[in-house]
C-alpha atoms as a PDB file:
ATOM      1  CA  UNK A   1       0.000   0.000   0.000  1.00  0.00           C
ATOM      2  CA  UNK A   2       2.811   2.439   0.755  1.00  0.00           C
ATOM      3  CA  UNK A   3       4.390   1.689  -2.634  1.00  0.00           C
ATOM      4  CA  UNK A   4       1.037   2.374  -4.296  1.00  0.00           C
ATOM      5  CA  UNK A   5       0.858   5.746  -2.518  1.00  0.00           C
ATOM      6  CA  UNK A   6       4.319   6.659  -3.831  1.00  0.00           C
ATOM      7  CA  UNK A   7       3.238   5.645  -7.346  1.00  0.00           C
ATOM      8  CA  UNK A   8       0.213   7.939  -7.176  1.00  0.00           C
ATOM      9  CA  UNK A   9       2.464  10.756  -5.979  1.00  0.00           C
ATOM     10  CA  UNK A  10       4.846  10.246  -8.914  1.00  0.00           C
ATOM     11  CA  UNK A  11       1.985  10.135 -11.419  1.00  0.00           C
ATOM     12  CA  UNK A  12       0.877  13.532 -10.147  1.00  0.00           C
ATOM     13  CA  UNK A  13       4.339  15.047 -10.591  1.00  0.00           C
ATOM     14  CA  UNK A  14       4.784  14.711 -14.357  1.00  0.00           C
ATOM     15  CA  UNK A  15       5.209  18.485 -14.572  1.00  0.00           C
ATOM     16  CA  UNK A  16       8.335  18.094 -12.411  1.00  0.00           C
ATOM     17  CA  UNK A  17       9.830  15.519 -14.774  1.00  0.00           C
ATOM     18  CA  UNK A  18       8.765  12.459 -12.776  1.00  0.00           C
ATOM     19  CA  UNK A  19       7.257   9.384 -14.392  1.00  0.00           C
ATOM     20  CA  UNK A  20       6.127   6.209 -12.649  1.00  0.00           C
ATOM     21  CA  UNK A  21       7.630   3.046 -14.191  1.00  0.00           C
ATOM     22  CA  UNK A  22       6.414   0.158 -12.029  1.00  0.00           C
ATOM     23  CA  UNK A  23       6.720  -1.992  -8.912  1.00  0.00           C
ATOM     24  CA  UNK A  24       9.072  -4.766  -7.868  1.00  0.00           C
ATOM     25  CA  UNK A  25       7.861  -7.288  -5.288  1.00  0.00           C
ATOM     26  CA  UNK A  26       9.028 -10.720  -4.122  1.00  0.00           C
ATOM     27  CA  UNK A  27       5.563 -11.777  -2.968  1.00  0.00           C
ATOM     28  CA  UNK A  28       2.992 -13.360  -5.270  1.00  0.00           C
ATOM     29  CA  UNK A  29       0.698 -10.830  -7.032  1.00  0.00           C
ATOM     30  CA  UNK A  30      -2.406 -11.992  -5.124  1.00  0.00           C
ATOM     31  CA  UNK A  31      -0.760 -10.738  -1.893  1.00  0.00           C
ATOM     32  CA  UNK A  32      -0.370  -7.222  -3.330  1.00  0.00           C
ATOM     33  CA  UNK A  33      -3.060  -4.524  -3.707  1.00  0.00           C
ATOM     34  CA  UNK A  34      -5.101  -5.215  -6.832  1.00  0.00           C
ATOM     35  CA  UNK A  35      -4.366  -1.737  -8.243  1.00  0.00           C
ATOM     36  CA  UNK A  36      -0.659  -2.656  -8.475  1.00  0.00           C
ATOM     37  CA  UNK A  37      -0.986  -5.941 -10.396  1.00  0.00           C
ATOM     38  CA  UNK A  38      -0.647  -4.657 -13.961  1.00  0.00           C
ATOM     39  CA  UNK A  39       2.434  -2.598 -13.063  1.00  0.00           C
ATOM     40  CA  UNK A  40       4.437  -5.400 -11.424  1.00  0.00           C
ATOM     41  CA  UNK A  41       7.757  -5.656 -13.292  1.00  0.00           C
ATOM     42  CA  UNK A  42       9.380  -8.527 -11.414  1.00  0.00           C
ATOM     43  CA  UNK A  43      11.260  -9.328  -8.222  1.00  0.00           C
ATOM     44  CA  UNK A  44      13.699  -7.173  -6.245  1.00  0.00           C
ATOM     45  CA  UNK A  45      16.696  -8.985  -7.735  1.00  0.00           C
ATOM     46  CA  UNK A  46      15.613  -7.721 -11.172  1.00  0.00           C
ATOM     47  CA  UNK A  47      16.174  -4.088 -10.162  1.00  0.00           C
ATOM     48  CA  UNK A  48      19.830  -3.609 -11.277  1.00  0.00           C
ATOM     49  CA  UNK A  49      18.962  -4.949 -14.733  1.00  0.00           C
ATOM     50  CA  UNK A  50      15.826  -2.791 -15.032  1.00  0.00           C
ATOM     51  CA  UNK A  51      17.742   0.351 -13.992  1.00  0.00           C
ATOM     52  CA  UNK A  52      20.091  -0.193 -16.932  1.00  0.00           C
ATOM     53  CA  UNK A  53      17.480  -1.304 -19.470  1.00  0.00           C
ATOM     54  CA  UNK A  54      14.931   1.411 -18.718  1.00  0.00           C
ATOM     55  CA  UNK A  55      17.261   4.245 -17.680  1.00  0.00           C
ATOM     56  CA  UNK A  56      15.642   4.521 -14.229  1.00  0.00           C
ATOM     57  CA  UNK A  57      16.967   7.496 -12.240  1.00  0.00           C
ATOM     58  CA  UNK A  58      15.096   7.160  -8.916  1.00  0.00           C
ATOM     59  CA  UNK A  59      14.241   4.124  -6.784  1.00  0.00           C
ATOM     60  CA  UNK A  60      11.820   4.316  -3.846  1.00  0.00           C
ATOM     61  CA  UNK A  61      12.168   1.571  -1.233  1.00  0.00           C
ATOM     62  CA  UNK A  62       8.847   1.105   0.587  1.00  0.00           C
ATOM     63  CA  UNK A  63       9.661  -2.075   2.514  1.00  0.00           C
ATOM     64  CA  UNK A  64       8.890  -1.907   6.256  1.00  0.00           C
ATOM     65  CA  UNK A  65      11.835  -1.590   8.631  1.00  0.00           C
ATOM     66  CA  UNK A  66      11.093  -5.109   9.853  1.00  0.00           C
ATOM     67  CA  UNK A  67      12.448  -6.251   6.480  1.00  0.00           C
ATOM     68  CA  UNK A  68      15.952  -4.940   7.244  1.00  0.00           C
ATOM     69  CA  UNK A  69      17.813  -7.955   5.735  1.00  0.00           C
ATOM     70  CA  UNK A  70      15.987  -7.491   2.421  1.00  0.00           C
ATOM     71  CA  UNK A  71      16.653  -3.731   2.487  1.00  0.00           C
ATOM     72  CA  UNK A  72      20.368  -4.266   3.147  1.00  0.00           C
ATOM     73  CA  UNK A  73      20.604  -6.836   0.365  1.00  0.00           C
ATOM     74  CA  UNK A  74      18.859  -4.452  -2.000  1.00  0.00           C
ATOM     75  CA  UNK A  75      21.183  -1.593  -1.007  1.00  0.00           C
ATOM     76  CA  UNK A  76      24.181  -3.813  -1.725  1.00  0.00           C
ATOM     77  CA  UNK A  77      22.853  -4.521  -5.215  1.00  0.00           C
ATOM     78  CA  UNK A  78      22.318  -0.821  -5.910  1.00  0.00           C
ATOM     79  CA  UNK A  79      25.786   0.365  -4.832  1.00  0.00           C
ATOM     80  CA  UNK A  80      26.998  -0.306  -8.375  1.00  0.00           C
ATOM     81  CA  UNK A  81      24.210   1.652 -10.069  1.00  0.00           C
ATOM     82  CA  UNK A  82      23.869   5.346 -10.844  1.00  0.00           C
ATOM     83  CA  UNK A  83      20.288   5.557  -9.524  1.00  0.00           C
ATOM     84  CA  UNK A  84      19.316   7.768  -6.585  1.00  0.00           C
ATOM     85  CA  UNK A  85      17.744   5.635  -3.848  1.00  0.00           C
ATOM     86  CA  UNK A  86      15.072   6.891  -1.459  1.00  0.00           C
ATOM     87  CA  UNK A  87      13.617   5.086   1.528  1.00  0.00           C
ATOM     88  CA  UNK A  88       9.961   5.826   2.265  1.00  0.00           C
ATOM     89  CA  UNK A  89       9.524   5.106   5.992  1.00  0.00           C
ATOM     90  CA  UNK A  90       6.420   4.358   7.951  1.00  0.00           C
ATOM     91  CA  UNK A  91       5.635   6.921  10.669  1.00  0.00           C
ATOM     92  CA  UNK A  92       7.382   4.779  13.302  1.00  0.00           C
ATOM     93  CA  UNK A  93      10.664   4.607  11.432  1.00  0.00           C
ATOM     94  CA  UNK A  94      11.261   8.258  10.577  1.00  0.00           C
ATOM     95  CA  UNK A  95      13.324   9.191  13.615  1.00  0.00           C
ATOM     96  CA  UNK A  96      15.700   6.215  13.591  1.00  0.00           C
ATOM     97  CA  UNK A  97      16.850   6.545   9.962  1.00  0.00           C
ATOM     98  CA  UNK A  98      19.995   8.577   9.374  1.00  0.00           C
ATOM     99  CA  UNK A  99      19.331  10.322   6.080  1.00  0.00           C
ATOM    100  CA  UNK A 100      18.066  13.486   4.431  1.00  0.00           C
ATOM    101  CA  UNK A 101      14.289  13.873   4.783  1.00  0.00           C
ATOM    102  CA  UNK A 102      12.115  15.129   1.931  1.00  0.00           C
ATOM    103  CA  UNK A 103       8.400  15.797   1.749  1.00  0.00           C
ATOM    104  CA  UNK A 104       7.059  15.084  -1.727  1.00  0.00           C
ATOM    105  CA  UNK A 105       3.381  16.029  -1.920  1.00  0.00           C
ATOM    106  CA  UNK A 106       2.690  14.622   1.540  1.00  0.00           C
ATOM    107  CA  UNK A 107       4.871  11.500   1.137  1.00  0.00           C
ATOM    108  CA  UNK A 108       7.917  11.526   3.479  1.00  0.00           C
ATOM    109  CA  UNK A 109      11.041  10.038   1.882  1.00  0.00           C
ATOM    110  CA  UNK A 110      14.602   9.682   3.159  1.00  0.00           C
ATOM    111  CA  UNK A 111      17.586   9.865   0.796  1.00  0.00           C
ATOM    112  CA  UNK A 112      19.908   6.896   1.415  1.00  0.00           C
ATOM    113  CA  UNK A 113      22.111   7.091  -1.680  1.00  0.00           C
ATOM    114  CA  UNK A 114      21.501  10.627  -2.873  1.00  0.00           C
ATOM    115  CA  UNK A 115      23.548  13.079  -4.859  1.00  0.00           C
ATOM    116  CA  UNK A 116      24.527  16.103  -2.706  1.00  0.00           C
ATOM    117  CA  UNK A 117      24.032  18.372  -5.724  1.00  0.00           C
ATOM    118  CA  UNK A 118      20.271  18.363  -6.170  1.00  0.00           C
ATOM    119  CA  UNK A 119      17.800  21.205  -5.791  1.00  0.00           C
ATOM    120  CA  UNK A 120      19.267  24.558  -4.731  1.00  0.00           C
ATOM    121  CA  UNK A 121      22.744  23.072  -4.099  1.00  0.00           C
ATOM    122  CA  UNK A 122      22.863  21.735  -7.633  1.00  0.00           C
ATOM    123  CA  UNK A 123      21.684  25.035  -9.123  1.00  0.00           C
ATOM    124  CA  UNK A 124      24.282  27.058  -7.177  1.00  0.00           C
ATOM    125  CA  UNK A 125      27.108  24.716  -8.180  1.00  0.00           C
ATOM    126  CA  UNK A 126      26.109  24.637 -11.850  1.00  0.00           C
ATOM    127  CA  UNK A 127      25.699  28.432 -12.042  1.00  0.00           C
ATOM    128  CA  UNK A 128      29.053  29.117 -10.367  1.00  0.00           C
ATOM    129  CA  UNK A 129      30.759  26.535 -12.608  1.00  0.00           C
ATOM    130  CA  UNK A 130      29.387  28.172 -15.757  1.00  0.00           C
ATOM    131  CA  UNK A 131      30.313  31.733 -14.759  1.00  0.00           C
ATOM    132  CA  UNK A 132      33.823  30.870 -13.573  1.00  0.00           C
ATOM    133  CA  UNK A 133      34.559  28.665 -16.607  1.00  0.00           C
ATOM    134  CA  UNK A 134      33.415  31.405 -18.999  1.00  0.00           C
ATOM    135  CA  UNK A 135      35.567  34.042 -17.259  1.00  0.00           C
ATOM    136  CA  UNK A 136      38.629  31.779 -17.187  1.00  0.00           C
ATOM    137  CA  UNK A 137      38.254  30.930 -20.884  1.00  0.00           C
ATOM    138  CA  UNK A 138      38.111  34.619 -21.774  1.00  0.00           C
ATOM    139  CA  UNK A 139      41.286  35.281 -19.794  1.00  0.00           C
ATOM    140  CA  UNK A 140      43.314  32.358 -21.114  1.00  0.00           C
ATOM    141  CA  UNK A 141      42.170  32.338 -24.767  1.00  0.00           C
ATOM    142  CA  UNK A 142      45.627  33.497 -25.996  1.00  0.00           C
ATOM    143  CA  UNK A 143      47.319  30.772 -23.951  1.00  0.00           C
ATOM    144  CA  UNK A 144      45.029  28.112 -25.443  1.00  0.00           C
ATOM    145  CA  UNK A 145      45.920  29.297 -28.950  1.00  0.00           C
ATOM    146  CA  UNK A 146      49.660  29.161 -28.227  1.00  0.00           C
ATOM    147  CA  UNK A 147      49.444  25.630 -26.785  1.00  0.00           C
ATOM    148  CA  UNK A 148      47.335  24.394 -29.723  1.00  0.00           C
ATOM    149  CA  UNK A 149      49.865  25.756 -32.214  1.00  0.00           C
ATOM    150  CA  UNK A 150      52.728  24.192 -30.239  1.00  0.00           C
ATOM    151  CA  UNK A 151      51.084  20.755 -30.176  1.00  0.00           C
ATOM    152  CA  UNK A 152      50.369  20.833 -33.919  1.00  0.00           C
ATOM    153  CA  UNK A 153      53.857  22.091 -34.803  1.00  0.00           C
ATOM    154  CA  UNK A 154      55.824  19.504 -32.793  1.00  0.00           C
ATOM    155  CA  UNK A 155      54.058  16.231 -33.681  1.00  0.00           C
ATOM    156  CA  UNK A 156      51.585  14.927 -36.262  1.00  0.00           C
ATOM    157  CA  UNK A 157      47.940  14.707 -35.264  1.00  0.00           C
ATOM    158  CA  UNK A 158      45.181  16.949 -33.920  1.00  0.00           C
ATOM    159  CA  UNK A 159      45.782  19.483 -31.160  1.00  0.00           C
ATOM    160  CA  UNK A 160      42.804  18.233 -29.146  1.00  0.00           C
ATOM    161  CA  UNK A 161      42.515  14.677 -27.840  1.00  0.00           C
ATOM    162  CA  UNK A 162      38.977  13.412 -27.227  1.00  0.00           C
ATOM    163  CA  UNK A 163      38.367  10.571 -24.791  1.00  0.00           C
ATOM    164  CA  UNK A 164      35.200   8.783 -23.668  1.00  0.00           C
ATOM    165  CA  UNK A 165      34.558   9.031 -19.945  1.00  0.00           C
ATOM    166  CA  UNK A 166      31.647   8.412 -17.589  1.00  0.00           C
ATOM    167  CA  UNK A 167      29.767  11.485 -16.358  1.00  0.00           C
ATOM    168  CA  UNK A 168      26.669  12.198 -14.289  1.00  0.00           C
ATOM    169  CA  UNK A 169      24.310   9.187 -13.977  1.00  0.00           C
ATOM    170  CA  UNK A 170      26.881   7.034 -15.751  1.00  0.00           C
ATOM    171  CA  UNK A 171      26.273   8.622 -19.142  1.00  0.00           C
ATOM    172  CA  UNK A 172      29.223   8.638 -21.523  1.00  0.00           C
ATOM    173  CA  UNK A 173      30.729  12.049 -22.230  1.00  0.00           C
ATOM    174  CA  UNK A 174      33.572  13.163 -24.483  1.00  0.00           C
ATOM    175  CA  UNK A 175      36.317  14.849 -22.439  1.00  0.00           C
ATOM    176  CA  UNK A 176      38.679  17.282 -24.192  1.00  0.00           C
ATOM    177  CA  UNK A 177      42.425  17.557 -23.534  1.00  0.00           C
ATOM    178  CA  UNK A 178      45.404  18.905 -25.403  1.00  0.00           C
ATOM    179  CA  UNK A 179      47.111  15.919 -27.055  1.00  0.00           C
ATOM    180  CA  UNK A 180      50.265  15.014 -25.136  1.00  0.00           C
ATOM    181  CA  UNK A 181      51.018  11.605 -26.664  1.00  0.00           C
ATOM    182  CA  UNK A 182      51.631  10.139 -30.104  1.00  0.00           C
ATOM    183  CA  UNK A 183      48.758   7.655 -29.563  1.00  0.00           C
ATOM    184  CA  UNK A 184      45.145   8.456 -28.774  1.00  0.00           C
ATOM    185  CA  UNK A 185      43.712   5.368 -27.057  1.00  0.00           C
ATOM    186  CA  UNK A 186      39.967   5.596 -26.565  1.00  0.00           C
ATOM    187  CA  UNK A 187      38.774   2.013 -26.469  1.00  0.00           C
ATOM    188  CA  UNK A 188      37.692  -0.534 -23.862  1.00  0.00           C
ATOM    189  CA  UNK A 189      41.346  -1.287 -23.023  1.00  0.00           C
ATOM    190  CA  UNK A 190      43.801   1.568 -22.528  1.00  0.00           C
ATOM    191  CA  UNK A 191      47.409   1.588 -21.364  1.00  0.00           C
ATOM    192  CA  UNK A 192      47.975   4.213 -18.692  1.00  0.00           C
ATOM    193  CA  UNK A 193      50.845   6.656 -19.217  1.00  0.00           C
ATOM    194  CA  UNK A 194      53.916   5.877 -17.133  1.00  0.00           C
ATOM    195  CA  UNK A 195      57.170   7.624 -16.249  1.00  0.00           C
ATOM    196  CA  UNK A 196      59.451   8.088 -19.280  1.00  0.00           C
ATOM    197  CA  UNK A 197      56.682   6.764 -21.536  1.00  0.00           C
ATOM    198  CA  UNK A 198      58.014   6.893 -25.127  1.00  0.00           C
ATOM    199  CA  UNK A 199      54.544   7.791 -26.384  1.00  0.00           C
ATOM    200  CA  UNK A 200      54.655  11.201 -24.655  1.00  0.00           C
ATOM    201  CA  UNK A 201      55.757  14.025 -26.953  1.00  0.00           C
ATOM    202  CA  UNK A 202      58.366  16.601 -25.809  1.00  0.00           C
ATOM    203  CA  UNK A 203      55.746  19.339 -25.431  1.00  0.00           C
ATOM    204  CA  UNK A 204      53.328  16.760 -24.035  1.00  0.00           C
ATOM    205  CA  UNK A 205      55.665  16.061 -21.146  1.00  0.00           C
ATOM    206  CA  UNK A 206      55.580  19.762 -20.222  1.00  0.00           C
ATOM    207  CA  UNK A 207      51.789  19.955 -20.624  1.00  0.00           C
ATOM    208  CA  UNK A 208      51.199  16.923 -18.405  1.00  0.00           C
ATOM    209  CA  UNK A 209      53.660  18.089 -15.734  1.00  0.00           C
ATOM    210  CA  UNK A 210      51.954  21.498 -15.513  1.00  0.00           C
ATOM    211  CA  UNK A 211      48.394  20.152 -16.096  1.00  0.00           C
ATOM    212  CA  UNK A 212      47.976  22.585 -18.989  1.00  0.00           C
ATOM    213  CA  UNK A 213      46.713  19.664 -21.079  1.00  0.00           C
ATOM    214  CA  UNK A 214      43.533  19.741 -18.947  1.00  0.00           C
ATOM    215  CA  UNK A 215      42.496  23.297 -19.871  1.00  0.00           C
ATOM    216  CA  UNK A 216      40.170  22.333 -22.786  1.00  0.00           C
ATOM    217  CA  UNK A 217      37.932  20.652 -20.187  1.00  0.00           C
ATOM    218  CA  UNK A 218      36.650  24.149 -19.419  1.00  0.00           C
ATOM    219  CA  UNK A 219      34.483  23.617 -22.513  1.00  0.00           C
ATOM    220  CA  UNK A 220      33.114  20.450 -20.876  1.00  0.00           C
ATOM    221  CA  UNK A 221      32.220  22.590 -17.854  1.00  0.00           C
ATOM    222  CA  UNK A 222      30.383  25.107 -20.054  1.00  0.00           C
ATOM    223  CA  UNK A 223      28.456  22.243 -21.688  1.00  0.00           C
ATOM    224  CA  UNK A 224      27.315  21.009 -18.267  1.00  0.00           C
ATOM    225  CA  UNK A 225      29.184  17.704 -18.590  1.00  0.00           C
ATOM    226  CA  UNK A 226      31.785  18.478 -15.913  1.00  0.00           C
ATOM    227  CA  UNK A 227      32.341  20.719 -12.900  1.00  0.00           C
ATOM    228  CA  UNK A 228      35.406  22.703 -11.916  1.00  0.00           C
ATOM    229  CA  UNK A 229      35.688  20.545  -8.778  1.00  0.00           C
ATOM    230  CA  UNK A 230      34.568  16.948  -8.491  1.00  0.00           C
ATOM    231  CA  UNK A 231      35.677  13.317  -8.715  1.00  0.00           C
ATOM    232  CA  UNK A 232      38.038  12.376 -11.510  1.00  0.00           C
ATOM    233  CA  UNK A 233      36.133  11.487 -14.720  1.00  0.00           C
ATOM    234  CA  UNK A 234      36.422   7.712 -15.039  1.00  0.00           C
ATOM    235  CA  UNK A 235      37.392   6.258 -18.394  1.00  0.00           C
ATOM    236  CA  UNK A 236      35.078   3.663 -19.889  1.00  0.00           C
ATOM    237  CA  UNK A 237      37.857   1.082 -19.574  1.00  0.00           C
ATOM    238  CA  UNK A 238      38.465   1.510 -15.823  1.00  0.00           C
ATOM    239  CA  UNK A 239      34.890   1.775 -14.474  1.00  0.00           C
ATOM    240  CA  UNK A 240      34.769  -1.935 -13.443  1.00  0.00           C
ATOM    241  CA  UNK A 241      37.693  -1.308 -11.062  1.00  0.00           C
ATOM    242  CA  UNK A 242      35.610   1.010  -8.878  1.00  0.00           C
ATOM    243  CA  UNK A 243      33.217  -1.638  -7.568  1.00  0.00           C
ATOM    244  CA  UNK A 244      30.966  -0.502  -4.741  1.00  0.00           C
ATOM    245  CA  UNK A 245      32.201   3.106  -4.670  1.00  0.00           C
ATOM    246  CA  UNK A 246      31.314   3.793  -8.303  1.00  0.00           C
ATOM    247  CA  UNK A 247      27.983   5.336  -7.169  1.00  0.00           C
ATOM    248  CA  UNK A 248      29.977   8.177  -5.601  1.00  0.00           C
ATOM    249  CA  UNK A 249      31.477   8.939  -8.994  1.00  0.00           C
ATOM    250  CA  UNK A 250      28.325   8.601 -11.070  1.00  0.00           C
ATOM    251  CA  UNK A 251      26.034  10.571  -8.739  1.00  0.00           C
ATOM    252  CA  UNK A 252      27.794  13.902  -9.462  1.00  0.00           C
ATOM    253  CA  UNK A 253      29.465  15.636 -12.387  1.00  0.00           C
ATOM    254  CA  UNK A 254      33.179  14.794 -12.647  1.00  0.00           C
ATOM    255  CA  UNK A 255      35.597  17.629 -12.014  1.00  0.00           C
ATOM    256  CA  UNK A 256      38.620  19.218 -13.678  1.00  0.00           C
ATOM    257  CA  UNK A 257      40.309  19.060 -10.295  1.00  0.00           C
ATOM    258  CA  UNK A 258      39.443  17.463  -6.987  1.00  0.00           C
ATOM    259  CA  UNK A 259      40.545  16.432  -3.530  1.00  0.00           C
ATOM    260  CA  UNK A 260      43.044  13.786  -4.666  1.00  0.00           C
ATOM    261  CA  UNK A 261      44.765  16.125  -7.130  1.00  0.00           C
ATOM    262  CA  UNK A 262      45.560  18.613  -4.343  1.00  0.00           C
ATOM    263  CA  UNK A 263      46.498  15.840  -1.888  1.00  0.00           C
ATOM    264  CA  UNK A 264      49.633  14.623  -3.626  1.00  0.00           C
ATOM    265  CA  UNK A 265      48.397  13.784  -7.114  1.00  0.00           C
ATOM    266  CA  UNK A 266      50.972  11.360  -8.624  1.00  0.00           C
ATOM    267  CA  UNK A 267      52.258  10.420  -5.167  1.00  0.00           C
ATOM    268  CA  UNK A 268      48.811   9.104  -4.226  1.00  0.00           C
ATOM    269  CA  UNK A 269      48.075   5.426  -4.907  1.00  0.00           C
ATOM    270  CA  UNK A 270      45.110   4.399  -7.024  1.00  0.00           C
ATOM    271  CA  UNK A 271      43.141   3.158  -3.994  1.00  0.00           C
ATOM    272  CA  UNK A 272      43.898   6.363  -2.063  1.00  0.00           C
ATOM    273  CA  UNK A 273      42.744   8.412  -5.061  1.00  0.00           C
ATOM    274  CA  UNK A 274      39.416   6.582  -5.127  1.00  0.00           C
ATOM    275  CA  UNK A 275      38.992   7.044  -1.360  1.00  0.00           C
ATOM    276  CA  UNK A 276      39.710  10.800  -1.561  1.00  0.00           C
ATOM    277  CA  UNK A 277      37.143  11.256  -4.335  1.00  0.00           C
ATOM    278  CA  UNK A 278      34.600   9.293  -2.290  1.00  0.00           C
ATOM    279  CA  UNK A 279      35.298  11.516   0.723  1.00  0.00           C
ATOM    280  CA  UNK A 280      34.752  14.640  -1.385  1.00  0.00           C
ATOM    281  CA  UNK A 281      31.331  13.498  -2.594  1.00  0.00           C
ATOM    282  CA  UNK A 282      30.184  12.669   0.940  1.00  0.00           C
ATOM    283  CA  UNK A 283      31.438  15.891   2.592  1.00  0.00           C
ATOM    284  CA  UNK A 284      31.294  18.514  -0.162  1.00  0.00           C
ATOM    285  CA  UNK A 285      30.732  22.120   0.803  1.00  0.00           C
ATOM    286  CA  UNK A 286      31.271  25.522  -0.793  1.00  0.00           C
ATOM    287  CA  UNK A 287      34.251  26.075   1.494  1.00  0.00           C
ATOM    288  CA  UNK A 288      35.816  22.770   0.416  1.00  0.00           C
ATOM    289  CA  UNK A 289      35.328  23.572  -3.275  1.00  0.00           C
ATOM    290  CA  UNK A 290      36.926  27.022  -2.888  1.00  0.00           C
ATOM    291  CA  UNK A 291      39.845  25.555  -0.934  1.00  0.00           C
ATOM    292  CA  UNK A 292      40.471  22.960  -3.664  1.00  0.00           C
ATOM    293  CA  UNK A 293      40.254  25.588  -6.406  1.00  0.00           C
END
C-alpha cells in the first residue's frame, strides 16, 4: 500500500519531470493490492537490470523496517548503479533513519544514496561553474591558442585529444584535452601513461607536468558535462575497477580538479585516489570547493 501511494504521488508530478515506471515485489501478485498488479515488473533482484534497461533514475524503497535484511541486500545490489535511492519510511521509522528527509506532496522520503548536488545546491554549483569557466576561458584564450599551435607544430595529429569518460548518472561524455602523446587510445582497453613513456611528446611532457593539457575541459564545464571541482572522470575502460564506490562517482558531475589532485596527485596510490574522491562526494561544501580551487 505504501508503494502504491508513492506511485500515485509520482503520477501527479509529471510536470516536475517524474514518471512512474512500475513496482518490484518478491511476494505473489495476489498478496499485493489489486491496483498494483498490472504494473508489477518482477522481483527485487531484477532491479539492477531494469535500472540499466529502462534508464531509471530514482528508486523508492517502501519495505517496512522489519524487512531490514531485504533492504540491506537491496542496497548492496544498488551500490553499483547510478540511480538515486530513497527510503519511504512508515511513521514509526522516521526518527531512527539517518538520512536526508524530503516531503514530496505529503509522502515523506529519506535519501539513502543521494547526490549532494540536487535542488538549490545543484543550481548554485552549476551556475558558479558556468560563470567561472566562462571568465577563465576569456582570460586564457591566448594561452590556449599558443598551446594548440605548439602541439600541432611539434608532432603529427590533432591538437585536441577526445576521450570517452563516464559522467553524471553514468552517461558517456567526451572529455577534451590537449594531445600530449603520439597515440590516442579511446577504447575498452587503454594503457595508462607511465614515467618516461616513449609515447609522450616533448611538449606533451611539459603539458602533463603542468596540467595545462587539462584546460580544454573548461568547454566540458560550459556544456554542463563536468564541474570545476569533483571526482576524476572515469574512463570507460576503468569503471569496473571502482566496484561498490562507483555510485559516488556517477552521482555527481566529474571535475577538472578534486581532492586527490591537491592531496599529492601522482604520489597518491590508485586506492587512495578513489577514497579521496569518495570523501569529497560525501562531505562537499562551498568552502571545500573554494579551498580545492
